[in-house]
C-alpha cells in the first residue's frame, strides 16, 4: 500500500508547480473563467505562447492535482481543482 504524501511534501510540490510565471497566469485565467471553459488553445492565445508550451505547463499543474481536466468530444477543458485549493 503506497504511503500518502505528507503536508510538507504536497506544499513543496505545489510551490514547484507554481514557480513559473506562465503557470501562475494560467491559474489566474482559470480562476476568473467559468469551470470547464478554458482550452489549451485559449491559454496559448491569451498568453501568447505555443500550444505545446501551454500543454507542458498544464501537465505540470495537473500532475500535482491543482487543476482538473474534462474531455468533451475532442476538446479538453481545464479548471482549478477547488478540492485542493
Protein backbone atom coordinates (compact mmCIF):
# COMPACT_ATOMS: atom_id res chain seq x y z
CA UNK A 1 0.00 0.00 0.00
CA UNK A 2 1.54 3.35 -1.04
CA UNK A 3 2.24 5.82 1.71
CA UNK A 4 0.26 9.05 1.41
CA UNK A 5 2.28 12.20 0.90
CA UNK A 6 2.56 14.48 3.89
CA UNK A 7 1.55 18.11 4.03
CA UNK A 8 5.11 19.42 3.70
CA UNK A 9 5.75 17.27 0.61
CA UNK A 10 2.50 18.42 -1.01
CA UNK A 11 3.26 22.09 -0.31
CA UNK A 12 6.71 21.64 -1.88
CA UNK A 13 5.05 20.06 -4.93
CA UNK A 14 2.56 22.95 -5.21
CA UNK A 15 5.33 25.54 -4.88
CA UNK A 16 7.34 23.79 -7.58
CA UNK A 17 4.36 23.69 -9.92
CA UNK A 18 3.61 27.37 -9.29
CA UNK A 19 7.22 28.52 -9.63
CA UNK A 20 6.76 29.63 -13.24
CA UNK A 21 5.02 32.94 -14.09
CA UNK A 22 3.11 31.35 -17.01
CA UNK A 23 1.58 28.76 -14.68
CA UNK A 24 0.55 31.47 -12.20
CA UNK A 25 -1.12 33.31 -15.09
CA UNK A 26 -2.88 30.10 -16.12
CA UNK A 27 -4.25 29.68 -12.60
CA UNK A 28 -5.47 33.29 -12.68
CA UNK A 29 -7.20 32.72 -16.03
CA UNK A 30 -8.94 29.59 -14.70
CA UNK A 31 -9.93 31.41 -11.53
CA UNK A 32 -11.64 34.17 -13.49
CA UNK A 33 -13.35 31.86 -16.01
CA UNK A 34 -16.37 29.59 -15.64
CA UNK A 35 -15.48 25.99 -14.75
CA UNK A 36 -14.56 23.74 -17.67
CA UNK A 37 -14.43 26.59 -20.19
CA UNK A 38 -10.73 27.10 -20.98
CA UNK A 39 -8.83 25.00 -23.53
CA UNK A 40 -5.13 24.72 -24.39
CA UNK A 41 -5.79 26.89 -27.45
CA UNK A 42 -7.31 29.57 -25.21
CA UNK A 43 -4.27 29.58 -22.93
CA UNK A 44 -1.88 29.74 -25.87
CA UNK A 45 -3.78 32.64 -27.45
CA UNK A 46 -4.23 34.64 -24.22
CA UNK A 47 -0.63 34.17 -23.05
CA UNK A 48 0.99 34.42 -26.48
CA UNK A 49 2.73 31.05 -26.17
CA UNK A 50 2.69 27.94 -28.35
CA UNK A 51 0.16 25.16 -27.76
CA UNK A 52 2.92 22.64 -26.91
CA UNK A 53 4.26 25.06 -24.29
CA UNK A 54 0.76 25.59 -22.84
CA UNK A 55 0.24 21.81 -22.76
CA UNK A 56 3.54 21.32 -20.90
CA UNK A 57 2.58 23.88 -18.25
CA UNK A 58 -0.90 22.38 -17.82
CA UNK A 59 0.59 18.90 -17.45
CA UNK A 60 2.76 20.15 -14.57
CA UNK A 61 -0.23 21.75 -12.81
CA UNK A 62 -2.31 18.62 -13.33
CA UNK A 63 0.46 16.33 -12.03
CA UNK A 64 0.19 17.95 -8.58
CA UNK A 65 -3.63 17.95 -8.73
CA UNK A 66 -4.03 21.75 -8.82
CA UNK A 67 -6.26 21.58 -11.89
CA UNK A 68 -8.92 19.30 -13.34
CA UNK A 69 -9.36 18.23 -16.96
CA UNK A 70 -12.65 17.43 -18.61
CA UNK A 71 -12.83 15.96 -22.12
CA UNK A 72 -15.89 16.85 -24.17
CA UNK A 73 -15.68 15.38 -27.64
CA UNK A 74 -12.24 16.25 -28.97
CA UNK A 75 -11.75 19.27 -26.71
CA UNK A 76 -10.19 19.20 -23.23
CA UNK A 77 -11.32 21.89 -20.80
CA UNK A 78 -9.35 22.93 -17.74
CA UNK A 79 -10.43 24.36 -14.38
CA UNK A 80 -8.99 24.74 -10.91
CA UNK A 81 -9.33 21.78 -8.59
CA UNK A 82 -11.23 23.55 -5.82
CA UNK A 83 -10.96 20.50 -3.55
CA UNK A 84 -7.20 21.04 -3.34
CA UNK A 85 -7.10 24.81 -3.49
